[in-house]
N, C-alpha and C. Protein backbone atom coordinates (compact mmCIF):
# COMPACT_ATOMS: atom_id res chain seq x y z
N MET A 1 6.39 17.31 -16.68
CA MET A 1 5.49 16.20 -16.42
C MET A 1 4.24 16.71 -15.70
N LYS A 2 3.07 16.42 -16.25
CA LYS A 2 1.84 16.94 -15.68
C LYS A 2 1.03 15.81 -15.06
N LEU A 3 0.35 16.14 -13.95
CA LEU A 3 -0.55 15.18 -13.34
C LEU A 3 -1.75 14.95 -14.23
N PRO A 4 -2.31 13.75 -14.24
CA PRO A 4 -3.51 13.50 -15.05
C PRO A 4 -4.69 14.29 -14.52
N LYS A 5 -5.62 14.61 -15.41
CA LYS A 5 -6.80 15.38 -15.04
C LYS A 5 -8.04 14.50 -15.17
N ARG A 6 -9.06 14.85 -14.39
CA ARG A 6 -10.36 14.20 -14.47
C ARG A 6 -10.26 12.69 -14.30
N VAL A 7 -9.57 12.29 -13.26
CA VAL A 7 -9.44 10.87 -12.95
C VAL A 7 -10.49 10.50 -11.91
N ARG A 8 -11.17 9.38 -12.13
CA ARG A 8 -12.20 8.94 -11.18
C ARG A 8 -11.57 8.69 -9.81
N ASN A 9 -12.26 9.16 -8.77
CA ASN A 9 -11.73 8.99 -7.42
C ASN A 9 -11.84 7.55 -6.95
N HIS A 10 -12.90 6.84 -7.36
CA HIS A 10 -13.13 5.48 -6.88
C HIS A 10 -13.11 4.51 -8.05
N VAL A 11 -12.31 3.47 -7.90
CA VAL A 11 -12.18 2.44 -8.93
C VAL A 11 -12.42 1.09 -8.28
N ASN A 12 -13.28 0.29 -8.87
CA ASN A 12 -13.58 -1.04 -8.36
C ASN A 12 -12.41 -1.97 -8.66
N PRO A 13 -11.65 -2.39 -7.65
CA PRO A 13 -10.48 -3.24 -7.92
C PRO A 13 -10.85 -4.60 -8.49
N LEU A 14 -12.07 -5.07 -8.20
CA LEU A 14 -12.48 -6.38 -8.68
C LEU A 14 -12.77 -6.38 -10.17
N ALA A 15 -12.93 -5.18 -10.75
CA ALA A 15 -13.20 -5.08 -12.17
C ALA A 15 -11.93 -5.25 -13.02
N ASP A 16 -10.78 -5.09 -12.38
CA ASP A 16 -9.51 -5.21 -13.09
C ASP A 16 -8.95 -6.61 -12.85
N GLN A 17 -8.96 -7.41 -13.91
CA GLN A 17 -8.52 -8.80 -13.79
C GLN A 17 -7.06 -8.99 -14.22
N THR A 18 -6.34 -7.89 -14.40
CA THR A 18 -4.94 -7.98 -14.82
C THR A 18 -4.13 -8.77 -13.79
N VAL A 19 -3.34 -9.71 -14.28
CA VAL A 19 -2.47 -10.50 -13.42
C VAL A 19 -1.03 -10.15 -13.74
N TYR A 20 -0.31 -9.70 -12.75
CA TYR A 20 1.08 -9.27 -12.96
C TYR A 20 2.06 -10.35 -12.52
N SER A 21 3.18 -10.38 -13.18
CA SER A 21 4.31 -11.16 -12.73
C SER A 21 5.51 -10.21 -12.65
N PHE A 22 6.44 -10.54 -11.80
CA PHE A 22 7.59 -9.66 -11.59
C PHE A 22 8.77 -10.53 -11.19
N GLU A 23 9.86 -10.38 -11.89
CA GLU A 23 11.02 -11.21 -11.61
C GLU A 23 11.81 -10.75 -10.39
N GLY A 24 11.46 -9.60 -9.89
CA GLY A 24 12.18 -9.05 -8.75
C GLY A 24 13.28 -8.10 -9.18
N PHE A 25 13.93 -7.50 -8.22
CA PHE A 25 15.00 -6.55 -8.48
C PHE A 25 16.33 -7.29 -8.62
N PRO A 26 17.29 -6.70 -9.34
CA PRO A 26 18.57 -7.38 -9.57
C PRO A 26 19.55 -7.23 -8.40
N ASN A 27 19.03 -7.20 -7.19
CA ASN A 27 19.88 -7.11 -6.00
C ASN A 27 19.08 -7.66 -4.82
N ASN A 28 19.69 -7.68 -3.66
CA ASN A 28 19.04 -8.23 -2.47
C ASN A 28 18.68 -7.16 -1.44
N ASN A 29 18.45 -5.95 -1.91
CA ASN A 29 18.07 -4.87 -1.00
C ASN A 29 16.70 -5.15 -0.39
N PRO A 30 16.49 -4.78 0.88
CA PRO A 30 15.15 -4.89 1.47
C PRO A 30 14.13 -4.08 0.66
N ILE A 31 12.87 -4.49 0.78
CA ILE A 31 11.80 -3.90 -0.04
C ILE A 31 10.78 -3.19 0.84
N ILE A 32 10.31 -2.05 0.35
CA ILE A 32 9.22 -1.30 0.97
C ILE A 32 8.11 -1.16 -0.08
N VAL A 33 6.88 -1.40 0.33
CA VAL A 33 5.73 -1.34 -0.57
C VAL A 33 4.86 -0.15 -0.20
N ASP A 34 4.46 0.62 -1.21
CA ASP A 34 3.56 1.76 -1.02
C ASP A 34 2.30 1.51 -1.85
N ILE A 35 1.21 1.11 -1.18
CA ILE A 35 -0.06 0.85 -1.86
C ILE A 35 -0.95 2.08 -1.70
N GLY A 36 -1.43 2.58 -2.82
CA GLY A 36 -2.21 3.82 -2.80
C GLY A 36 -1.29 5.01 -2.96
N ALA A 37 -0.36 4.89 -3.92
CA ALA A 37 0.73 5.87 -4.05
C ALA A 37 0.26 7.23 -4.55
N TYR A 38 -0.86 7.27 -5.27
CA TYR A 38 -1.44 8.53 -5.75
C TYR A 38 -0.41 9.32 -6.55
N ARG A 39 0.10 10.43 -6.04
CA ARG A 39 1.03 11.28 -6.78
C ARG A 39 2.50 10.89 -6.60
N GLY A 40 2.76 9.96 -5.70
CA GLY A 40 4.12 9.48 -5.52
C GLY A 40 4.96 10.24 -4.53
N GLU A 41 4.41 11.28 -3.90
CA GLU A 41 5.23 12.07 -2.99
C GLU A 41 5.58 11.28 -1.73
N PHE A 42 4.70 10.39 -1.30
CA PHE A 42 5.00 9.57 -0.12
C PHE A 42 6.18 8.64 -0.42
N SER A 43 6.15 8.03 -1.60
CA SER A 43 7.27 7.15 -2.00
C SER A 43 8.57 7.95 -2.11
N GLN A 44 8.48 9.14 -2.66
CA GLN A 44 9.68 9.97 -2.80
C GLN A 44 10.28 10.28 -1.43
N LYS A 45 9.43 10.57 -0.46
CA LYS A 45 9.92 10.88 0.88
C LYS A 45 10.53 9.64 1.54
N LEU A 46 9.96 8.47 1.28
CA LEU A 46 10.54 7.23 1.80
C LEU A 46 11.95 7.03 1.24
N ILE A 47 12.09 7.25 -0.05
CA ILE A 47 13.39 7.09 -0.70
C ILE A 47 14.41 8.05 -0.10
N GLU A 48 13.99 9.28 0.18
CA GLU A 48 14.88 10.26 0.78
C GLU A 48 15.23 9.89 2.23
N HIS A 49 14.27 9.28 2.93
CA HIS A 49 14.48 8.96 4.35
C HIS A 49 15.47 7.82 4.53
N PHE A 50 15.33 6.77 3.74
CA PHE A 50 16.18 5.60 3.91
C PHE A 50 17.48 5.80 3.13
N THR A 51 18.50 6.20 3.85
CA THR A 51 19.78 6.46 3.19
C THR A 51 20.47 5.15 2.78
N GLU A 52 20.20 4.06 3.52
CA GLU A 52 20.68 2.76 3.08
C GLU A 52 19.80 2.27 1.94
N ARG A 53 20.37 1.49 1.07
CA ARG A 53 19.66 1.09 -0.14
C ARG A 53 18.42 0.26 0.16
N ARG A 54 17.34 0.60 -0.51
CA ARG A 54 16.08 -0.14 -0.47
C ARG A 54 15.55 -0.24 -1.90
N ASN A 55 14.65 -1.19 -2.11
CA ASN A 55 13.87 -1.23 -3.34
C ASN A 55 12.42 -0.93 -2.98
N TYR A 56 11.67 -0.42 -3.94
CA TYR A 56 10.32 0.05 -3.67
C TYR A 56 9.33 -0.50 -4.70
N ILE A 57 8.24 -1.08 -4.18
CA ILE A 57 7.09 -1.43 -5.01
C ILE A 57 6.06 -0.33 -4.80
N VAL A 58 5.71 0.35 -5.87
CA VAL A 58 4.78 1.48 -5.80
C VAL A 58 3.52 1.09 -6.57
N ALA A 59 2.39 1.06 -5.87
CA ALA A 59 1.14 0.58 -6.47
C ALA A 59 0.07 1.67 -6.43
N GLU A 60 -0.61 1.85 -7.54
CA GLU A 60 -1.70 2.82 -7.64
C GLU A 60 -2.76 2.24 -8.57
N ILE A 61 -3.98 2.11 -8.05
CA ILE A 61 -5.03 1.43 -8.81
C ILE A 61 -5.46 2.21 -10.06
N ARG A 62 -5.40 3.53 -9.99
CA ARG A 62 -5.87 4.34 -11.12
C ARG A 62 -4.77 4.42 -12.18
N LYS A 63 -5.06 3.87 -13.33
CA LYS A 63 -4.05 3.73 -14.38
C LYS A 63 -3.43 5.06 -14.83
N PRO A 64 -4.20 6.15 -14.95
CA PRO A 64 -3.55 7.42 -15.33
C PRO A 64 -2.48 7.86 -14.33
N TYR A 65 -2.76 7.66 -13.03
CA TYR A 65 -1.75 8.02 -12.03
C TYR A 65 -0.59 7.04 -12.05
N ALA A 66 -0.88 5.76 -12.29
CA ALA A 66 0.22 4.78 -12.40
C ALA A 66 1.13 5.13 -13.57
N HIS A 67 0.55 5.58 -14.67
CA HIS A 67 1.36 6.02 -15.82
C HIS A 67 2.23 7.21 -15.42
N TYR A 68 1.63 8.14 -14.69
CA TYR A 68 2.38 9.31 -14.20
C TYR A 68 3.54 8.86 -13.30
N LEU A 69 3.27 7.88 -12.42
CA LEU A 69 4.30 7.40 -11.51
C LEU A 69 5.44 6.70 -12.26
N ARG A 70 5.09 5.98 -13.31
CA ARG A 70 6.15 5.33 -14.09
C ARG A 70 7.07 6.37 -14.72
N GLU A 71 6.51 7.46 -15.17
CA GLU A 71 7.33 8.55 -15.70
C GLU A 71 8.13 9.20 -14.59
N LEU A 72 7.50 9.40 -13.45
CA LEU A 72 8.16 10.07 -12.33
C LEU A 72 9.39 9.29 -11.88
N PHE A 73 9.28 7.96 -11.85
CA PHE A 73 10.38 7.13 -11.34
C PHE A 73 11.14 6.42 -12.46
N SER A 74 11.01 6.90 -13.67
CA SER A 74 11.59 6.21 -14.83
C SER A 74 13.11 6.08 -14.74
N ASP A 75 13.77 7.00 -14.06
CA ASP A 75 15.23 6.95 -13.96
C ASP A 75 15.72 6.29 -12.67
N ASN A 76 14.80 5.79 -11.87
CA ASN A 76 15.17 5.18 -10.59
C ASN A 76 14.97 3.67 -10.68
N LYS A 77 16.06 2.93 -10.74
CA LYS A 77 16.00 1.48 -10.87
C LYS A 77 15.61 0.80 -9.57
N GLN A 78 15.49 1.58 -8.50
CA GLN A 78 15.06 1.02 -7.22
C GLN A 78 13.55 0.88 -7.14
N VAL A 79 12.83 1.43 -8.11
CA VAL A 79 11.37 1.53 -8.03
C VAL A 79 10.71 0.75 -9.16
N ALA A 80 9.69 -0.04 -8.81
CA ALA A 80 8.84 -0.71 -9.79
C ALA A 80 7.40 -0.29 -9.52
N VAL A 81 6.69 0.16 -10.54
CA VAL A 81 5.33 0.69 -10.41
C VAL A 81 4.33 -0.30 -10.99
N PHE A 82 3.22 -0.50 -10.27
CA PHE A 82 2.15 -1.39 -10.73
C PHE A 82 0.81 -0.70 -10.55
N ASP A 83 -0.12 -0.99 -11.47
CA ASP A 83 -1.49 -0.53 -11.28
C ASP A 83 -2.37 -1.74 -11.01
N GLY A 84 -3.68 -1.55 -11.03
CA GLY A 84 -4.60 -2.67 -10.85
C GLY A 84 -4.84 -3.04 -9.40
N ASN A 85 -5.30 -4.27 -9.20
CA ASN A 85 -5.74 -4.77 -7.91
C ASN A 85 -4.54 -5.23 -7.09
N SER A 86 -4.14 -4.43 -6.12
CA SER A 86 -2.97 -4.75 -5.30
C SER A 86 -3.18 -6.01 -4.47
N ALA A 87 -4.38 -6.18 -3.93
CA ALA A 87 -4.65 -7.36 -3.10
C ALA A 87 -4.48 -8.63 -3.91
N LYS A 88 -4.89 -8.59 -5.16
CA LYS A 88 -4.81 -9.77 -6.03
C LYS A 88 -3.39 -10.07 -6.46
N ASN A 89 -2.59 -9.04 -6.68
CA ASN A 89 -1.28 -9.21 -7.30
C ASN A 89 -0.10 -9.14 -6.35
N LEU A 90 -0.34 -8.77 -5.09
CA LEU A 90 0.78 -8.53 -4.18
C LEU A 90 1.66 -9.76 -4.01
N HIS A 91 1.05 -10.92 -3.86
CA HIS A 91 1.84 -12.14 -3.66
C HIS A 91 2.74 -12.41 -4.86
N ALA A 92 2.16 -12.36 -6.07
CA ALA A 92 2.94 -12.64 -7.27
C ALA A 92 4.09 -11.65 -7.45
N ILE A 93 3.84 -10.39 -7.09
CA ILE A 93 4.88 -9.37 -7.25
C ILE A 93 6.03 -9.59 -6.27
N LEU A 94 5.71 -10.02 -5.06
CA LEU A 94 6.73 -10.16 -4.02
C LEU A 94 7.34 -11.56 -3.95
N ALA A 95 6.68 -12.55 -4.52
CA ALA A 95 7.12 -13.94 -4.38
C ALA A 95 8.58 -14.18 -4.77
N PRO A 96 9.07 -13.65 -5.92
CA PRO A 96 10.47 -13.90 -6.28
C PRO A 96 11.45 -13.38 -5.23
N SER A 97 11.14 -12.25 -4.63
CA SER A 97 12.02 -11.70 -3.60
C SER A 97 11.96 -12.52 -2.32
N ILE A 98 10.76 -12.95 -1.95
CA ILE A 98 10.62 -13.76 -0.74
C ILE A 98 11.35 -15.09 -0.89
N LYS A 99 11.30 -15.67 -2.08
CA LYS A 99 12.01 -16.93 -2.32
C LYS A 99 13.52 -16.76 -2.14
N LYS A 100 14.01 -15.54 -2.35
CA LYS A 100 15.43 -15.26 -2.17
C LYS A 100 15.73 -14.77 -0.75
N ASP A 101 14.72 -14.85 0.14
CA ASP A 101 14.86 -14.41 1.54
C ASP A 101 15.18 -12.92 1.65
N ILE A 102 14.71 -12.14 0.70
CA ILE A 102 14.87 -10.69 0.77
C ILE A 102 13.79 -10.13 1.70
N PRO A 103 14.15 -9.33 2.70
CA PRO A 103 13.15 -8.81 3.63
C PRO A 103 12.15 -7.87 2.96
N ILE A 104 10.87 -8.09 3.22
CA ILE A 104 9.83 -7.12 2.88
C ILE A 104 9.61 -6.33 4.16
N GLU A 105 10.21 -5.18 4.27
CA GLU A 105 10.24 -4.47 5.56
C GLU A 105 8.89 -3.86 5.93
N TYR A 106 8.34 -3.07 5.02
CA TYR A 106 7.09 -2.37 5.30
C TYR A 106 6.15 -2.49 4.10
N ILE A 107 4.86 -2.62 4.41
CA ILE A 107 3.82 -2.49 3.40
C ILE A 107 2.89 -1.38 3.89
N PHE A 108 2.98 -0.23 3.26
CA PHE A 108 2.13 0.92 3.60
C PHE A 108 0.84 0.83 2.80
N ILE A 109 -0.28 0.93 3.50
CA ILE A 109 -1.59 1.01 2.86
C ILE A 109 -2.16 2.36 3.25
N ASN A 110 -2.09 3.29 2.32
CA ASN A 110 -2.39 4.69 2.63
C ASN A 110 -3.73 5.13 2.05
N PHE A 111 -4.67 5.44 2.94
CA PHE A 111 -5.93 6.09 2.59
C PHE A 111 -6.66 5.36 1.46
N PRO A 112 -6.95 4.06 1.66
CA PRO A 112 -7.68 3.32 0.64
C PRO A 112 -9.14 3.73 0.59
N ASP A 113 -9.79 3.43 -0.52
CA ASP A 113 -11.22 3.71 -0.63
C ASP A 113 -11.97 2.98 0.47
N PRO A 114 -12.88 3.66 1.18
CA PRO A 114 -13.55 3.02 2.32
C PRO A 114 -14.62 1.99 1.94
N TRP A 115 -15.31 2.17 0.80
CA TRP A 115 -16.36 1.24 0.37
C TRP A 115 -17.29 0.92 1.53
N PHE A 116 -18.09 1.93 1.92
CA PHE A 116 -18.92 1.80 3.11
C PHE A 116 -20.11 0.87 2.93
N LYS A 117 -20.71 0.82 1.74
CA LYS A 117 -21.89 -0.02 1.55
C LYS A 117 -21.53 -1.49 1.77
N GLU A 118 -22.43 -2.20 2.43
CA GLU A 118 -22.18 -3.59 2.77
C GLU A 118 -21.83 -4.42 1.53
N LYS A 119 -22.54 -4.20 0.44
CA LYS A 119 -22.32 -4.99 -0.78
C LYS A 119 -20.99 -4.67 -1.46
N HIS A 120 -20.38 -3.54 -1.07
CA HIS A 120 -19.12 -3.13 -1.69
C HIS A 120 -17.89 -3.42 -0.82
N LYS A 121 -18.09 -3.93 0.38
CA LYS A 121 -16.95 -4.12 1.29
C LYS A 121 -15.95 -5.13 0.76
N LYS A 122 -16.40 -6.03 -0.12
CA LYS A 122 -15.48 -7.00 -0.72
C LYS A 122 -14.45 -6.33 -1.61
N ARG A 123 -14.67 -5.04 -1.95
CA ARG A 123 -13.72 -4.30 -2.78
C ARG A 123 -12.56 -3.73 -1.96
N ARG A 124 -12.66 -3.75 -0.66
CA ARG A 124 -11.58 -3.22 0.17
C ARG A 124 -10.32 -4.06 0.02
N ILE A 125 -9.19 -3.45 0.28
CA ILE A 125 -7.94 -4.21 0.17
C ILE A 125 -7.76 -5.14 1.36
N ILE A 126 -8.08 -4.68 2.58
CA ILE A 126 -7.94 -5.54 3.75
C ILE A 126 -9.28 -6.20 4.02
N THR A 127 -9.38 -7.44 3.59
CA THR A 127 -10.57 -8.25 3.78
C THR A 127 -10.15 -9.57 4.45
N GLU A 128 -11.13 -10.35 4.83
CA GLU A 128 -10.83 -11.65 5.43
C GLU A 128 -10.01 -12.51 4.47
N SER A 129 -10.39 -12.53 3.22
CA SER A 129 -9.67 -13.38 2.25
C SER A 129 -8.24 -12.88 2.03
N PHE A 130 -8.04 -11.56 2.02
CA PHE A 130 -6.70 -11.01 1.86
C PHE A 130 -5.82 -11.40 3.03
N LEU A 131 -6.33 -11.28 4.24
CA LEU A 131 -5.55 -11.61 5.43
C LEU A 131 -5.25 -13.11 5.47
N GLN A 132 -6.22 -13.93 5.14
CA GLN A 132 -5.99 -15.37 5.14
C GLN A 132 -4.95 -15.76 4.10
N ASP A 133 -4.99 -15.11 2.94
CA ASP A 133 -4.00 -15.39 1.91
C ASP A 133 -2.61 -14.97 2.37
N CYS A 134 -2.51 -13.79 2.97
CA CYS A 134 -1.21 -13.30 3.44
C CYS A 134 -0.58 -14.25 4.45
N LYS A 135 -1.41 -14.89 5.27
CA LYS A 135 -0.88 -15.81 6.27
C LYS A 135 -0.10 -16.96 5.64
N THR A 136 -0.38 -17.27 4.37
CA THR A 136 0.28 -18.41 3.72
C THR A 136 1.63 -18.06 3.13
N TRP A 137 1.95 -16.75 3.05
CA TRP A 137 3.20 -16.42 2.36
C TRP A 137 3.96 -15.23 2.92
N ILE A 138 3.33 -14.30 3.60
CA ILE A 138 4.03 -13.09 4.01
C ILE A 138 5.03 -13.41 5.12
N GLN A 139 6.12 -12.70 5.15
CA GLN A 139 7.11 -12.88 6.21
C GLN A 139 6.56 -12.34 7.53
N PRO A 140 6.77 -13.04 8.63
CA PRO A 140 6.24 -12.57 9.92
C PRO A 140 6.87 -11.26 10.37
N GLU A 141 8.05 -10.93 9.84
CA GLU A 141 8.72 -9.68 10.22
C GLU A 141 8.18 -8.47 9.47
N THR A 142 7.42 -8.71 8.41
CA THR A 142 6.89 -7.60 7.61
C THR A 142 5.90 -6.79 8.43
N ILE A 143 6.08 -5.47 8.41
CA ILE A 143 5.18 -4.56 9.14
C ILE A 143 4.24 -3.89 8.16
N PHE A 144 2.93 -4.09 8.37
CA PHE A 144 1.91 -3.37 7.62
C PHE A 144 1.64 -2.05 8.35
N VAL A 145 1.54 -0.98 7.59
CA VAL A 145 1.19 0.33 8.14
C VAL A 145 -0.08 0.79 7.44
N PHE A 146 -1.16 0.91 8.21
CA PHE A 146 -2.47 1.28 7.66
C PHE A 146 -2.84 2.67 8.14
N GLN A 147 -3.19 3.56 7.19
CA GLN A 147 -3.52 4.94 7.52
C GLN A 147 -4.77 5.36 6.76
N THR A 148 -5.68 6.03 7.46
CA THR A 148 -6.92 6.48 6.84
C THR A 148 -7.48 7.67 7.61
N ASP A 149 -8.31 8.44 6.93
CA ASP A 149 -9.03 9.52 7.59
C ASP A 149 -10.48 9.13 7.86
N GLN A 150 -10.82 7.86 7.61
CA GLN A 150 -12.19 7.37 7.78
C GLN A 150 -12.27 6.49 9.02
N GLN A 151 -12.91 6.99 10.07
CA GLN A 151 -12.98 6.24 11.33
C GLN A 151 -13.71 4.91 11.17
N GLN A 152 -14.82 4.92 10.44
CA GLN A 152 -15.58 3.68 10.27
C GLN A 152 -14.73 2.60 9.60
N LEU A 153 -14.00 2.98 8.56
CA LEU A 153 -13.12 2.02 7.89
C LEU A 153 -12.05 1.52 8.85
N PHE A 154 -11.50 2.42 9.65
CA PHE A 154 -10.46 2.05 10.61
C PHE A 154 -10.97 1.03 11.61
N LEU A 155 -12.16 1.28 12.18
CA LEU A 155 -12.71 0.38 13.18
C LEU A 155 -13.07 -0.97 12.57
N GLU A 156 -13.63 -0.96 11.37
CA GLU A 156 -14.00 -2.21 10.73
C GLU A 156 -12.77 -3.01 10.29
N THR A 157 -11.69 -2.32 9.95
CA THR A 157 -10.45 -3.01 9.63
C THR A 157 -9.86 -3.65 10.87
N GLN A 158 -9.93 -2.95 12.00
CA GLN A 158 -9.49 -3.55 13.26
C GLN A 158 -10.30 -4.79 13.58
N GLU A 159 -11.59 -4.74 13.34
CA GLU A 159 -12.45 -5.90 13.58
C GLU A 159 -12.03 -7.09 12.71
N ALA A 160 -11.71 -6.79 11.44
CA ALA A 160 -11.25 -7.86 10.54
C ALA A 160 -9.96 -8.48 11.04
N LEU A 161 -9.06 -7.65 11.58
CA LEU A 161 -7.80 -8.16 12.12
C LEU A 161 -8.05 -9.02 13.36
N ARG A 162 -8.93 -8.56 14.23
CA ARG A 162 -9.24 -9.35 15.43
C ARG A 162 -9.85 -10.70 15.05
N ASP A 163 -10.71 -10.70 14.03
CA ASP A 163 -11.34 -11.95 13.60
C ASP A 163 -10.30 -12.97 13.12
N GLU A 164 -9.16 -12.47 12.64
CA GLU A 164 -8.09 -13.35 12.16
C GLU A 164 -6.98 -13.50 13.20
N ASN A 165 -7.27 -13.05 14.43
CA ASN A 165 -6.31 -13.16 15.54
C ASN A 165 -4.98 -12.46 15.22
N ILE A 166 -5.09 -11.33 14.58
CA ILE A 166 -3.92 -10.53 14.24
C ILE A 166 -3.87 -9.32 15.17
N THR A 167 -2.77 -9.15 15.85
CA THR A 167 -2.60 -8.05 16.78
C THR A 167 -2.19 -6.79 16.06
N TYR A 168 -2.79 -5.67 16.42
CA TYR A 168 -2.46 -4.39 15.82
C TYR A 168 -2.10 -3.40 16.92
N LYS A 169 -1.42 -2.33 16.52
CA LYS A 169 -1.04 -1.28 17.46
C LYS A 169 -1.32 0.07 16.84
N GLU A 170 -2.16 0.85 17.50
CA GLU A 170 -2.45 2.20 17.01
C GLU A 170 -1.28 3.13 17.34
N PHE A 171 -1.10 4.15 16.51
CA PHE A 171 -0.09 5.16 16.82
C PHE A 171 -0.57 6.50 16.29
N GLY A 172 0.06 7.56 16.75
CA GLY A 172 -0.44 8.90 16.48
C GLY A 172 0.25 9.63 15.36
N GLU A 173 1.51 9.96 15.55
CA GLU A 173 2.21 10.78 14.57
C GLU A 173 2.68 9.94 13.38
N PRO A 174 2.87 10.55 12.22
CA PRO A 174 3.28 9.81 11.02
C PRO A 174 4.60 9.08 11.23
N LEU A 175 4.66 7.85 10.78
CA LEU A 175 5.89 7.07 10.87
C LEU A 175 6.99 7.75 10.07
N PHE A 176 8.16 7.89 10.67
CA PHE A 176 9.31 8.56 10.07
C PHE A 176 9.02 10.04 9.76
N ASP A 177 7.91 10.57 10.32
CA ASP A 177 7.50 11.95 10.06
C ASP A 177 7.23 12.18 8.57
N ILE A 178 6.74 11.13 7.89
CA ILE A 178 6.46 11.22 6.45
C ILE A 178 4.95 11.25 6.23
N THR A 179 4.49 12.26 5.54
CA THR A 179 3.07 12.40 5.22
C THR A 179 2.89 12.43 3.71
N SER A 180 1.68 12.09 3.28
CA SER A 180 1.34 12.14 1.86
C SER A 180 0.57 13.42 1.55
N TYR A 181 0.43 13.68 0.29
CA TYR A 181 -0.37 14.84 -0.14
C TYR A 181 -1.79 14.73 0.40
N TRP A 182 -2.37 13.53 0.32
CA TRP A 182 -3.75 13.34 0.76
C TRP A 182 -3.87 13.61 2.26
N GLU A 183 -2.93 13.12 3.04
CA GLU A 183 -2.98 13.37 4.48
C GLU A 183 -2.88 14.86 4.78
N GLU A 184 -1.95 15.53 4.14
CA GLU A 184 -1.79 16.96 4.39
C GLU A 184 -3.05 17.73 4.03
N MET A 185 -3.70 17.31 2.94
CA MET A 185 -4.95 17.96 2.54
C MET A 185 -6.04 17.72 3.58
N LYS A 186 -6.17 16.47 4.04
CA LYS A 186 -7.21 16.14 5.00
C LYS A 186 -6.96 16.79 6.36
N ARG A 187 -5.71 16.83 6.78
CA ARG A 187 -5.40 17.49 8.04
C ARG A 187 -5.67 18.98 7.94
N GLY A 188 -5.44 19.55 6.76
CA GLY A 188 -5.75 20.95 6.54
C GLY A 188 -7.24 21.23 6.65
N GLU A 189 -8.05 20.20 6.36
CA GLU A 189 -9.51 20.33 6.48
C GLU A 189 -9.99 20.06 7.90
N GLY A 190 -9.05 19.68 8.78
CA GLY A 190 -9.40 19.41 10.17
C GLY A 190 -9.71 17.95 10.46
N SER A 191 -9.44 17.05 9.51
CA SER A 191 -9.73 15.63 9.71
C SER A 191 -8.70 14.98 10.61
N HIS A 192 -9.16 13.98 11.36
CA HIS A 192 -8.25 13.18 12.17
C HIS A 192 -7.71 12.04 11.32
N ILE A 193 -6.46 11.69 11.53
CA ILE A 193 -5.85 10.59 10.79
C ILE A 193 -5.69 9.41 11.75
N TYR A 194 -6.21 8.26 11.34
CA TYR A 194 -6.16 7.04 12.13
C TYR A 194 -5.05 6.15 11.58
N ARG A 195 -4.22 5.60 12.49
CA ARG A 195 -3.06 4.83 12.05
C ARG A 195 -2.89 3.60 12.92
N MET A 196 -2.41 2.54 12.29
CA MET A 196 -2.03 1.36 13.06
C MET A 196 -1.02 0.54 12.27
N THR A 197 -0.27 -0.26 13.01
CA THR A 197 0.65 -1.21 12.43
C THR A 197 0.22 -2.61 12.85
N PHE A 198 0.54 -3.59 12.00
CA PHE A 198 0.31 -4.98 12.37
C PHE A 198 1.23 -5.87 11.55
N SER A 199 1.48 -7.05 12.07
CA SER A 199 2.22 -8.07 11.37
C SER A 199 1.39 -9.33 11.32
N ILE A 200 1.55 -10.10 10.27
CA ILE A 200 0.74 -11.31 10.09
C ILE A 200 1.61 -12.52 10.39
N THR A 201 1.26 -13.22 11.44
CA THR A 201 2.05 -14.39 11.83
C THR A 201 1.17 -15.62 11.93
């Protein structure tokens, strides 16, 4: 299995109008979500870490990588892979499980595109509208884990959380000592990694 080549680094999520539906997994295992899965190594490490059964939603906006991930996890019935706009589709994907009171334990948002230009900020995954929508359906026990190597994005995301009266907590070392390929590459370049957790109540 080969990684795709010549894939665009930045994809406008608003350009993809695909709407997904998902019936959920055929069991009541808790769910972990990995948004920005890239090569899938972070998801693989999560699966190895949690010895008790979990189900995994693995999301990657770039379709060639999502195709690669579907092949990578094709034999694992614990994993469902989605491409496209995660912010738009997250509720629909998780709704059947939430209706069954299945815990959504963690939602990892790993190294999303920063979209620094003011006119492009609406393309970010964590926006005012995303947070307001999550307030209507997400479980209060669900922990969001946000990680980035972009300080400006980190600070502006904290500002968005404060505007919605959402409390966050910064932390230093990788949760569960699990790192992604992108993080390892950036740390190798000397970049600082910014991390925080928050829950929406």
